[in-house]
Amino acid sequence: MKHLYVCFPEGRYKALTLSYDDGRIEDRRLVGILNQYGLKGTFHLNSGYLAGKDPEAEEKYGPRVSEEELLELYKGHEVACHTVGHPTMERIPGAWLVEQVTQDRKTLEKAVGYPVCGFSYPFGSYNEDIVTTLKSLGIAYARIVGDSESFTMPKNFMQWKPTCHHNHKLLELTDKFLDFNMDQVLCMMYVWGHSFEFTRDGNWELIEKFAEKISGRPDIWYATNIEIVRYMQAFRQLIFTADCSKVYNPSVQPVWLNVDGRIFEVGAGMLVEL
């Protein structure tokens, strides 16, 4: 009997992704570090608090990146939603929830020029009704808060719990992730936080040490949140013959499979004999 598993691109079984909220100006320094080491991040932004849009909020909470710089600043990374004004979502009416998410998408999409389908819940506030509404508004995944300390793939991308905040056992968990060696299992490390915390806590060296330690690994796929979601969606669309001797990929995303130790790339629109 065949042993057949999905892999990440090029046959990898490990993935790393990062997620940072709020769009404070410290994102500029963080993006520079990620770019230096070839890592990828997702940046969840409040369009109503972008530079110059709410001077009172900027004075209270700190300066934000501008709408005009989003395309260039986050090039190679992902811009995602975080609502217009960062409300506690379980405490607002449904109509306002729709406005907060839809307008955030529209503003961000105009700035970056591609569909913005990712989300993180402000303050980690959500319930099943909110999840259902987000799906109807075109949101493909949503990150919750907390630290799973796990490298397992999420069972529900609309309640995606990260491995750790960068202030929670980051280097210890990184070592465990790098030492993990079981290619029958897809594993993922997901780091989250807010870039302003590095300035507040005086620990920029932490993310730099992490980036240096985890970068350049041939067995790790460095991906944004949406890239991981779309890849797994493409895998689920694969159509296998009953005996799994052939597979057809109806999507536009190549998918890699491990069949008895051999790696197969199933190209977009291709029928492949395994």
C-alpha atoms as a PDB file:
ATOM      1  CA  MET A   1       0.000   0.000   0.000  1.00  0.00           C
ATOM      2  CA  LYS A   2       1.244   3.463  -0.891  1.00  0.00           C
ATOM      3  CA  HIS A   3       2.233   5.997   1.734  1.00  0.00           C
ATOM      4  CA  LEU A   4       1.037   9.302   0.320  1.00  0.00           C
ATOM      5  CA  TYR A   5       1.356  12.661   2.084  1.00  0.00           C
ATOM      6  CA  VAL A   6       0.960  16.295   1.146  1.00  0.00           C
ATOM      7  CA  CYS A   7       4.150  18.358   1.440  1.00  0.00           C
ATOM      8  CA  PHE A   8       4.865  22.038   1.459  1.00  0.00           C
ATOM      9  CA  PRO A   9       6.488  23.441  -1.722  1.00  0.00           C
ATOM     10  CA  GLU A  10       9.480  21.492  -3.028  1.00  0.00           C
ATOM     11  CA  GLY A  11       8.788  18.610  -0.658  1.00  0.00           C
ATOM     12  CA  ARG A  12       9.337  20.439   2.609  1.00  0.00           C
ATOM     13  CA  TYR A  13       7.337  19.509   5.712  1.00  0.00           C
ATOM     14  CA  LYS A  14       8.109  22.569   7.855  1.00  0.00           C
ATOM     15  CA  ALA A  15       6.752  26.108   7.474  1.00  0.00           C
ATOM     16  CA  LEU A  16       7.392  29.391   9.265  1.00  0.00           C
ATOM     17  CA  THR A  17       5.063  32.381   9.283  1.00  0.00           C
ATOM     18  CA  LEU A  18       4.862  35.586  11.311  1.00  0.00           C
ATOM     19  CA  SER A  19       1.965  37.925  12.058  1.00  0.00           C
ATOM     20  CA  TYR A  20       2.132  41.499  13.399  1.00  0.00           C
ATOM     21  CA  ASP A  21      -0.746  43.843  14.194  1.00  0.00           C
ATOM     22  CA  ASP A  22      -1.687  47.530  14.198  1.00  0.00           C
ATOM     23  CA  GLY A  23       0.719  49.071  11.661  1.00  0.00           C
ATOM     24  CA  ARG A  24       2.841  51.152  14.005  1.00  0.00           C
ATOM     25  CA  ILE A  25       5.936  52.767  12.454  1.00  0.00           C
ATOM     26  CA  GLU A  26       8.142  50.095  14.055  1.00  0.00           C
ATOM     27  CA  ASP A  27       6.874  47.835  11.259  1.00  0.00           C
ATOM     28  CA  ARG A  28       9.460  49.551   9.053  1.00  0.00           C
ATOM     29  CA  ARG A  29      12.326  48.246  11.142  1.00  0.00           C
ATOM     30  CA  LEU A  30      10.718  44.820  11.532  1.00  0.00           C
ATOM     31  CA  VAL A  31      10.170  44.448   7.778  1.00  0.00           C
ATOM     32  CA  GLY A  32      13.816  45.358   7.257  1.00  0.00           C
ATOM     33  CA  ILE A  33      14.897  42.525   9.558  1.00  0.00           C
ATOM     34  CA  LEU A  34      12.585  40.015   7.864  1.00  0.00           C
ATOM     35  CA  ASN A  35      13.864  41.064   4.436  1.00  0.00           C
ATOM     36  CA  GLN A  36      17.481  40.774   5.549  1.00  0.00           C
ATOM     37  CA  TYR A  37      16.991  37.157   6.591  1.00  0.00           C
ATOM     38  CA  GLY A  38      14.491  36.053   3.928  1.00  0.00           C
ATOM     39  CA  LEU A  39      11.536  35.606   6.291  1.00  0.00           C
ATOM     40  CA  LYS A  40       7.909  36.445   5.468  1.00  0.00           C
ATOM     41  CA  GLY A  41       5.274  38.132   7.560  1.00  0.00           C
ATOM     42  CA  THR A  42       1.636  39.148   7.538  1.00  0.00           C
ATOM     43  CA  PHE A  43       0.760  42.634   8.762  1.00  0.00           C
ATOM     44  CA  HIS A  44      -2.762  43.260  10.038  1.00  0.00           C
ATOM     45  CA  LEU A  45      -3.666  46.929   9.684  1.00  0.00           C
ATOM     46  CA  ASN A  46      -6.377  49.280  10.941  1.00  0.00           C
ATOM     47  CA  SER A  47      -7.098  51.480   7.927  1.00  0.00           C
ATOM     48  CA  GLY A  48      -8.780  54.133  10.092  1.00  0.00           C
ATOM     49  CA  TYR A  49      -5.582  54.671  12.071  1.00  0.00           C
ATOM     50  CA  LEU A  50      -3.116  54.945   9.197  1.00  0.00           C
ATOM     51  CA  ALA A  51      -0.899  58.026   9.390  1.00  0.00           C
ATOM     52  CA  GLY A  52      -2.841  61.297   9.281  1.00  0.00           C
ATOM     53  CA  LYS A  53      -6.302  59.719   9.491  1.00  0.00           C
ATOM     54  CA  ASP A  54      -6.816  60.065  13.249  1.00  0.00           C
ATOM     55  CA  PRO A  55      -4.313  62.493  14.835  1.00  0.00           C
ATOM     56  CA  GLU A  56      -5.864  62.054  18.275  1.00  0.00           C
ATOM     57  CA  ALA A  57      -5.363  58.279  18.159  1.00  0.00           C
ATOM     58  CA  GLU A  58      -1.798  58.680  16.885  1.00  0.00           C
ATOM     59  CA  GLU A  59      -1.001  61.016  19.754  1.00  0.00           C
ATOM     60  CA  LYS A  60      -2.479  58.575  22.267  1.00  0.00           C
ATOM     61  CA  TYR A  61      -1.231  55.271  20.850  1.00  0.00           C
ATOM     62  CA  GLY A  62       1.749  56.223  18.690  1.00  0.00           C
ATOM     63  CA  PRO A  63       2.426  57.015  15.000  1.00  0.00           C
ATOM     64  CA  ARG A  64       1.349  54.607  12.257  1.00  0.00           C
ATOM     65  CA  VAL A  65       2.562  53.824   8.761  1.00  0.00           C
ATOM     66  CA  SER A  66       0.895  55.750   5.938  1.00  0.00           C
ATOM     67  CA  GLU A  67      -1.487  54.502   3.279  1.00  0.00           C
ATOM     68  CA  GLU A  68       0.909  55.726   0.589  1.00  0.00           C
ATOM     69  CA  GLU A  69       3.791  53.530   1.781  1.00  0.00           C
ATOM     70  CA  LEU A  70       1.898  50.240   2.196  1.00  0.00           C
ATOM     71  CA  LEU A  71       2.609  48.858  -1.275  1.00  0.00           C
ATOM     72  CA  GLU A  72       6.363  49.365  -1.104  1.00  0.00           C
ATOM     73  CA  LEU A  73       6.878  48.762   2.625  1.00  0.00           C
ATOM     74  CA  TYR A  74       5.134  45.389   2.714  1.00  0.00           C
ATOM     75  CA  LYS A  75       6.289  44.202  -0.708  1.00  0.00           C
ATOM     76  CA  GLY A  76       6.923  40.454  -0.547  1.00  0.00           C
ATOM     77  CA  HIS A  77       4.845  40.165   2.614  1.00  0.00           C
ATOM     78  CA  GLU A  78       1.066  40.215   3.184  1.00  0.00           C
ATOM     79  CA  VAL A  79      -1.223  43.066   4.170  1.00  0.00           C
ATOM     80  CA  ALA A  80      -4.303  41.839   6.035  1.00  0.00           C
ATOM     81  CA  CYS A  81      -7.346  43.278   7.813  1.00  0.00           C
ATOM     82  CA  HIS A  82      -7.646  44.230  11.474  1.00  0.00           C
ATOM     83  CA  THR A  83     -10.854  46.343  11.162  1.00  0.00           C
ATOM     84  CA  VAL A  84     -11.027  50.078  10.534  1.00  0.00           C
ATOM     85  CA  GLY A  85     -10.950  51.173  14.160  1.00  0.00           C
ATOM     86  CA  HIS A  86      -9.944  48.173  16.326  1.00  0.00           C
ATOM     87  CA  PRO A  87     -13.256  47.568  18.181  1.00  0.00           C
ATOM     88  CA  THR A  88     -14.017  44.705  20.542  1.00  0.00           C
ATOM     89  CA  MET A  89     -16.011  42.746  17.995  1.00  0.00           C
ATOM     90  CA  GLU A  90     -18.268  40.842  20.378  1.00  0.00           C
ATOM     91  CA  ARG A  91     -19.594  44.188  21.648  1.00  0.00           C
ATOM     92  CA  ILE A  92     -20.609  45.797  18.359  1.00  0.00           C
ATOM     93  CA  PRO A  93     -23.762  45.269  16.249  1.00  0.00           C
ATOM     94  CA  GLY A  94     -23.607  43.117  13.138  1.00  0.00           C
ATOM     95  CA  ALA A  95     -24.079  46.039  10.764  1.00  0.00           C
ATOM     96  CA  TRP A  96     -21.097  47.845  12.278  1.00  0.00           C
ATOM     97  CA  LEU A  97     -19.005  44.682  12.107  1.00  0.00           C
ATOM     98  CA  VAL A  98     -19.726  44.470   8.378  1.00  0.00           C
ATOM     99  CA  GLU A  99     -18.721  48.113   7.923  1.00  0.00           C
ATOM    100  CA  GLN A 100     -15.530  47.696   9.956  1.00  0.00           C
ATOM    101  CA  VAL A 101     -14.340  44.749   7.887  1.00  0.00           C
ATOM    102  CA  THR A 102     -15.600  45.767   4.444  1.00  0.00           C
ATOM    103  CA  GLN A 103     -14.227  49.294   4.613  1.00  0.00           C
ATOM    104  CA  ASP A 104     -10.913  48.029   5.950  1.00  0.00           C
ATOM    105  CA  ARG A 105     -10.647  45.653   2.993  1.00  0.00           C
ATOM    106  CA  LYS A 106     -11.534  48.350   0.475  1.00  0.00           C
ATOM    107  CA  THR A 107      -8.989  50.845   1.785  1.00  0.00           C
ATOM    108  CA  LEU A 108      -6.161  48.323   2.049  1.00  0.00           C
ATOM    109  CA  GLU A 109      -6.917  46.753  -1.328  1.00  0.00           C
ATOM    110  CA  LYS A 110      -6.826  50.151  -2.993  1.00  0.00           C
ATOM    111  CA  ALA A 111      -3.394  50.762  -1.470  1.00  0.00           C
ATOM    112  CA  VAL A 112      -1.767  47.395  -2.262  1.00  0.00           C
ATOM    113  CA  GLY A 113      -3.646  46.371  -5.419  1.00  0.00           C
ATOM    114  CA  TYR A 114      -4.594  42.784  -4.514  1.00  0.00           C
ATOM    115  CA  PRO A 115      -7.418  41.043  -2.612  1.00  0.00           C
ATOM    116  CA  VAL A 116      -6.969  41.392   1.148  1.00  0.00           C
ATOM    117  CA  CYS A 117      -8.492  38.233   2.637  1.00  0.00           C
ATOM    118  CA  GLY A 118      -6.655  37.764   5.933  1.00  0.00           C
ATOM    119  CA  PHE A 119      -7.777  38.944   9.358  1.00  0.00           C
ATOM    120  CA  SER A 120      -6.831  39.061  13.023  1.00  0.00           C
ATOM    121  CA  TYR A 121      -9.410  39.649  15.734  1.00  0.00           C
ATOM    122  CA  PRO A 122      -8.850  42.919  17.644  1.00  0.00           C
ATOM    123  CA  PHE A 123      -8.210  42.055  21.298  1.00  0.00           C
ATOM    124  CA  GLY A 124      -8.785  38.425  20.286  1.00  0.00           C
ATOM    125  CA  SER A 125     -12.546  38.981  20.551  1.00  0.00           C
ATOM    126  CA  TYR A 126     -14.753  36.677  18.438  1.00  0.00           C
ATOM    127  CA  ASN A 127     -17.620  34.178  18.497  1.00  0.00           C
ATOM    128  CA  GLU A 128     -19.230  31.777  16.032  1.00  0.00           C
ATOM    129  CA  ASP A 129     -21.561  34.446  14.603  1.00  0.00           C
ATOM    130  CA  ILE A 130     -18.585  36.706  13.898  1.00  0.00           C
ATOM    131  CA  VAL A 131     -16.748  33.834  12.207  1.00  0.00           C
ATOM    132  CA  THR A 132     -19.761  33.199   9.955  1.00  0.00           C
ATOM    133  CA  THR A 133     -19.998  36.891   9.056  1.00  0.00           C
ATOM    134  CA  LEU A 134     -16.293  37.134   8.245  1.00  0.00           C
ATOM    135  CA  LYS A 135     -16.547  34.197   5.854  1.00  0.00           C
ATOM    136  CA  SER A 136     -19.443  35.894   4.066  1.00  0.00           C
ATOM    137  CA  LEU A 137     -17.283  39.027   3.697  1.00  0.00           C
ATOM    138  CA  GLY A 138     -14.514  37.155   1.879  1.00  0.00           C
ATOM    139  CA  ILE A 139     -12.176  36.549   4.811  1.00  0.00           C
ATOM    140  CA  ALA A 140     -10.197  33.327   4.277  1.00  0.00           C
ATOM    141  CA  TYR A 141      -8.609  33.009   7.719  1.00  0.00           C
ATOM    142  CA  ALA A 142      -8.528  34.824  11.056  1.00  0.00           C
ATOM    143  CA  ARG A 143      -5.889  34.717  13.783  1.00  0.00           C
ATOM    144  CA  ILE A 144      -6.810  34.573  17.443  1.00  0.00           C
ATOM    145  CA  VAL A 145      -4.451  35.453  20.311  1.00  0.00           C
ATOM    146  CA  GLY A 146      -2.588  33.195  22.716  1.00  0.00           C
ATOM    147  CA  ASP A 147       0.305  30.759  22.628  1.00  0.00           C
ATOM    148  CA  SER A 148      -0.328  27.149  21.641  1.00  0.00           C
ATOM    149  CA  GLU A 149       3.357  26.200  21.964  1.00  0.00           C
ATOM    150  CA  SER A 150       2.469  23.765  19.187  1.00  0.00           C
ATOM    151  CA  PHE A 151       3.699  23.234  15.642  1.00  0.00           C
ATOM    152  CA  THR A 152       0.566  21.455  14.402  1.00  0.00           C
ATOM    153  CA  MET A 153      -1.477  22.763  11.497  1.00  0.00           C
ATOM    154  CA  PRO A 154      -4.731  24.481  12.527  1.00  0.00           C
ATOM    155  CA  LYS A 155      -7.938  22.491  12.351  1.00  0.00           C
ATOM    156  CA  ASN A 156      -9.848  25.718  11.650  1.00  0.00           C
ATOM    157  CA  PHE A 157      -8.136  28.607   9.858  1.00  0.00           C
ATOM    158  CA  MET A 158     -10.859  30.973  11.125  1.00  0.00           C
ATOM    159  CA  GLN A 159      -9.649  30.315  14.671  1.00  0.00           C
ATOM    160  CA  TRP A 160      -5.939  30.155  13.940  1.00  0.00           C
ATOM    161  CA  LYS A 161      -3.938  30.101  17.166  1.00  0.00           C
ATOM    162  CA  PRO A 162      -0.233  30.892  16.791  1.00  0.00           C
ATOM    163  CA  THR A 163       2.655  28.989  18.293  1.00  0.00           C
ATOM    164  CA  CYS A 164       3.844  31.893  20.418  1.00  0.00           C
ATOM    165  CA  HIS A 165       4.058  35.609  20.945  1.00  0.00           C
ATOM    166  CA  HIS A 166       7.645  36.708  20.448  1.00  0.00           C
ATOM    167  CA  ASN A 167       7.909  37.359  24.216  1.00  0.00           C
ATOM    168  CA  HIS A 168       6.806  33.802  25.032  1.00  0.00           C
ATOM    169  CA  LYS A 169       9.622  31.201  24.887  1.00  0.00           C
ATOM    170  CA  LEU A 170      10.545  32.281  21.355  1.00  0.00           C
ATOM    171  CA  LEU A 171      14.109  30.974  21.191  1.00  0.00           C
ATOM    172  CA  GLU A 172      13.289  27.848  23.219  1.00  0.00           C
ATOM    173  CA  LEU A 173      10.449  26.946  20.854  1.00  0.00           C
ATOM    174  CA  THR A 174      12.618  27.792  17.849  1.00  0.00           C
ATOM    175  CA  ASP A 175      15.183  25.220  18.937  1.00  0.00           C
ATOM    176  CA  LYS A 176      12.425  22.605  19.345  1.00  0.00           C
ATOM    177  CA  PHE A 177      11.078  23.442  15.898  1.00  0.00           C
ATOM    178  CA  LEU A 178      14.479  23.147  14.267  1.00  0.00           C
ATOM    179  CA  ASP A 179      15.090  19.813  16.003  1.00  0.00           C
ATOM    180  CA  PHE A 180      11.702  18.397  15.006  1.00  0.00           C
ATOM    181  CA  ASN A 181      12.285  15.538  12.569  1.00  0.00           C
ATOM    182  CA  MET A 182       9.162  13.648  11.554  1.00  0.00           C
ATOM    183  CA  ASP A 183       8.379  14.081   7.878  1.00  0.00           C
ATOM    184  CA  GLN A 184       5.056  12.214   8.155  1.00  0.00           C
ATOM    185  CA  VAL A 185       3.655  15.369   9.821  1.00  0.00           C
ATOM    186  CA  LEU A 186       3.281  18.870   8.395  1.00  0.00           C
ATOM    187  CA  CYS A 187       4.518  21.260  11.054  1.00  0.00           C
ATOM    188  CA  MET A 188       4.410  25.019  11.262  1.00  0.00           C
ATOM    189  CA  MET A 189       5.838  27.640  13.598  1.00  0.00           C
ATOM    190  CA  TYR A 190       3.713  30.787  13.850  1.00  0.00           C
ATOM    191  CA  VAL A 191       5.055  33.849  15.693  1.00  0.00           C
ATOM    192  CA  TRP A 192       2.879  36.883  16.442  1.00  0.00           C
ATOM    193  CA  GLY A 193       3.024  40.224  18.195  1.00  0.00           C
ATOM    194  CA  HIS A 194       3.150  43.989  17.701  1.00  0.00           C
ATOM    195  CA  SER A 195       6.303  45.632  16.375  1.00  0.00           C
ATOM    196  CA  PHE A 196       6.072  48.534  18.849  1.00  0.00           C
ATOM    197  CA  GLU A 197       6.617  46.009  21.655  1.00  0.00           C
ATOM    198  CA  PHE A 198      10.266  45.624  20.636  1.00  0.00           C
ATOM    199  CA  THR A 199      10.808  49.350  21.233  1.00  0.00           C
ATOM    200  CA  ARG A 200       8.720  49.369  24.410  1.00  0.00           C
ATOM    201  CA  ASP A 201      10.523  46.336  25.847  1.00  0.00           C
ATOM    202  CA  GLY A 202      13.960  47.224  24.503  1.00  0.00           C
ATOM    203  CA  ASN A 203      14.443  43.781  22.945  1.00  0.00           C
ATOM    204  CA  TRP A 204      14.936  44.242  19.201  1.00  0.00           C
ATOM    205  CA  GLU A 205      17.876  41.873  19.569  1.00  0.00           C
ATOM    206  CA  LEU A 206      15.369  39.075  20.298  1.00  0.00           C
ATOM    207  CA  ILE A 207      13.759  39.146  16.857  1.00  0.00           C
ATOM    208  CA  GLU A 208      17.149  39.629  15.207  1.00  0.00           C
ATOM    209  CA  LYS A 209      18.565  36.586  17.003  1.00  0.00           C
ATOM    210  CA  PHE A 210      15.475  34.574  16.090  1.00  0.00           C
ATOM    211  CA  ALA A 211      15.680  35.598  12.430  1.00  0.00           C
ATOM    212  CA  GLU A 212      19.346  34.708  12.194  1.00  0.00           C
ATOM    213  CA  LYS A 213      18.802  31.343  13.890  1.00  0.00           C
ATOM    214  CA  ILE A 214      15.846  30.207  11.748  1.00  0.00           C
ATOM    215  CA  SER A 215      16.740  31.668   8.352  1.00  0.00           C
ATOM    216  CA  GLY A 216      18.281  29.893   5.374  1.00  0.00           C
ATOM    217  CA  ARG A 217      17.013  26.409   6.256  1.00  0.00           C
ATOM    218  CA  PRO A 218      16.387  24.252   3.169  1.00  0.00           C
ATOM    219  CA  ASP A 219      13.728  22.225   4.998  1.00  0.00           C
ATOM    220  CA  ILE A 220      11.585  25.265   5.936  1.00  0.00           C
ATOM    221  CA  TRP A 221       9.030  27.033   3.742  1.00  0.00           C
ATOM    222  CA  TYR A 222       8.988  30.744   4.636  1.00  0.00           C
ATOM    223  CA  ALA A 223       5.457  31.902   3.902  1.00  0.00           C
ATOM    224  CA  THR A 224       2.817  34.496   4.678  1.00  0.00           C
ATOM    225  CA  ASN A 225      -0.409  33.483   6.388  1.00  0.00           C
ATOM    226  CA  ILE A 226      -2.441  33.625   3.165  1.00  0.00           C
ATOM    227  CA  GLU A 227       0.127  31.592   1.231  1.00  0.00           C
ATOM    228  CA  ILE A 228      -0.255  28.736   3.719  1.00  0.00           C
ATOM    229  CA  VAL A 229      -4.055  28.940   3.607  1.00  0.00           C
ATOM    230  CA  ARG A 230      -4.201  28.964  -0.206  1.00  0.00           C
ATOM    231  CA  TYR A 231      -1.713  26.111  -0.448  1.00  0.00           C
ATOM    232  CA  MET A 232      -3.823  23.897   1.818  1.00  0.00           C
ATOM    233  CA  GLN A 233      -6.952  24.870  -0.111  1.00  0.00           C
ATOM    234  CA  ALA A 234      -5.249  23.748  -3.316  1.00  0.00           C
ATOM    235  CA  PHE A 235      -4.304  20.405  -1.734  1.00  0.00           C
ATOM    236  CA  ARG A 236      -7.933  19.793  -0.739  1.00  0.00           C
ATOM    237  CA  GLN A 237      -9.005  20.419  -4.333  1.00  0.00           C
ATOM    238  CA  LEU A 238      -6.779  17.647  -5.722  1.00  0.00           C
ATOM    239  CA  ILE A 239      -8.732  14.869  -7.417  1.00  0.00           C
ATOM    240  CA  PHE A 240      -7.237  11.374  -7.040  1.00  0.00           C
ATOM    241  CA  THR A 241      -8.151   8.215  -8.883  1.00  0.00           C
ATOM    242  CA  ALA A 242      -9.628   5.537  -6.636  1.00  0.00           C
ATOM    243  CA  ASP A 243      -6.312   3.687  -6.421  1.00  0.00           C
ATOM    244  CA  CYS A 244      -4.329   6.940  -6.018  1.00  0.00           C
ATOM    245  CA  SER A 245      -2.231   6.118  -9.066  1.00  0.00           C
ATOM    246  CA  LYS A 246      -3.031   9.464 -10.685  1.00  0.00           C
ATOM    247  CA  VAL A 247      -3.960  12.915  -9.421  1.00  0.00           C
ATOM    248  CA  TYR A 248      -5.446  15.951 -11.163  1.00  0.00           C
ATOM    249  CA  ASN A 249      -4.884  19.482  -9.897  1.00  0.00           C
ATOM    250  CA  PRO A 250      -7.764  21.782 -10.968  1.00  0.00           C
ATOM    251  CA  SER A 251      -6.311  24.823  -9.162  1.00  0.00           C
ATOM    252  CA  VAL A 252      -3.738  27.414 -10.275  1.00  0.00           C
ATOM    253  CA  GLN A 253      -1.453  26.484  -7.353  1.00  0.00           C
ATOM    254  CA  PRO A 254       1.165  23.720  -7.715  1.00  0.00           C
ATOM    255  CA  VAL A 255       1.035  21.148  -4.917  1.00  0.00           C
ATOM    256  CA  TRP A 256       3.767  18.745  -3.812  1.00  0.00           C
ATOM    257  CA  LEU A 257       3.203  15.166  -2.651  1.00  0.00           C
ATOM    258  CA  ASN A 258       5.414  12.561  -1.007  1.00  0.00           C
ATOM    259  CA  VAL A 259       4.619   9.102  -2.366  1.00  0.00           C
ATOM    260  CA  ASP A 260       6.684   6.302  -0.823  1.00  0.00           C
ATOM    261  CA  GLY A 261       9.529   8.736  -0.252  1.00  0.00           C
ATOM    262  CA  ARG A 262       9.456  10.236  -3.762  1.00  0.00           C
ATOM    263  CA  ILE A 263       8.488  13.882  -4.198  1.00  0.00           C
ATOM    264  CA  PHE A 264       6.009  14.745  -6.946  1.00  0.00           C
ATOM    265  CA  GLU A 265       5.064  18.241  -8.068  1.00  0.00           C
ATOM    266  CA  VAL A 266       1.453  18.362  -9.258  1.00  0.00           C
ATOM    267  CA  GLY A 267       1.391  21.455 -11.416  1.00  0.00           C
ATOM    268  CA  ALA A 268      -1.578  23.724 -11.924  1.00  0.00           C
ATOM    269  CA  GLY A 269      -4.092  22.078 -14.265  1.00  0.00           C
ATOM    270  CA  MET A 270      -1.938  18.949 -14.562  1.00  0.00           C
ATOM    271  CA  LEU A 271      -2.750  15.235 -14.419  1.00  0.00           C
ATOM    272  CA  VAL A 272       0.196  13.420 -12.834  1.00  0.00           C
ATOM    273  CA  GLU A 273       0.888   9.709 -12.573  1.00  0.00           C
ATOM    274  CA  LEU A 274       2.166   8.809  -9.102  1.00  0.00           C
END
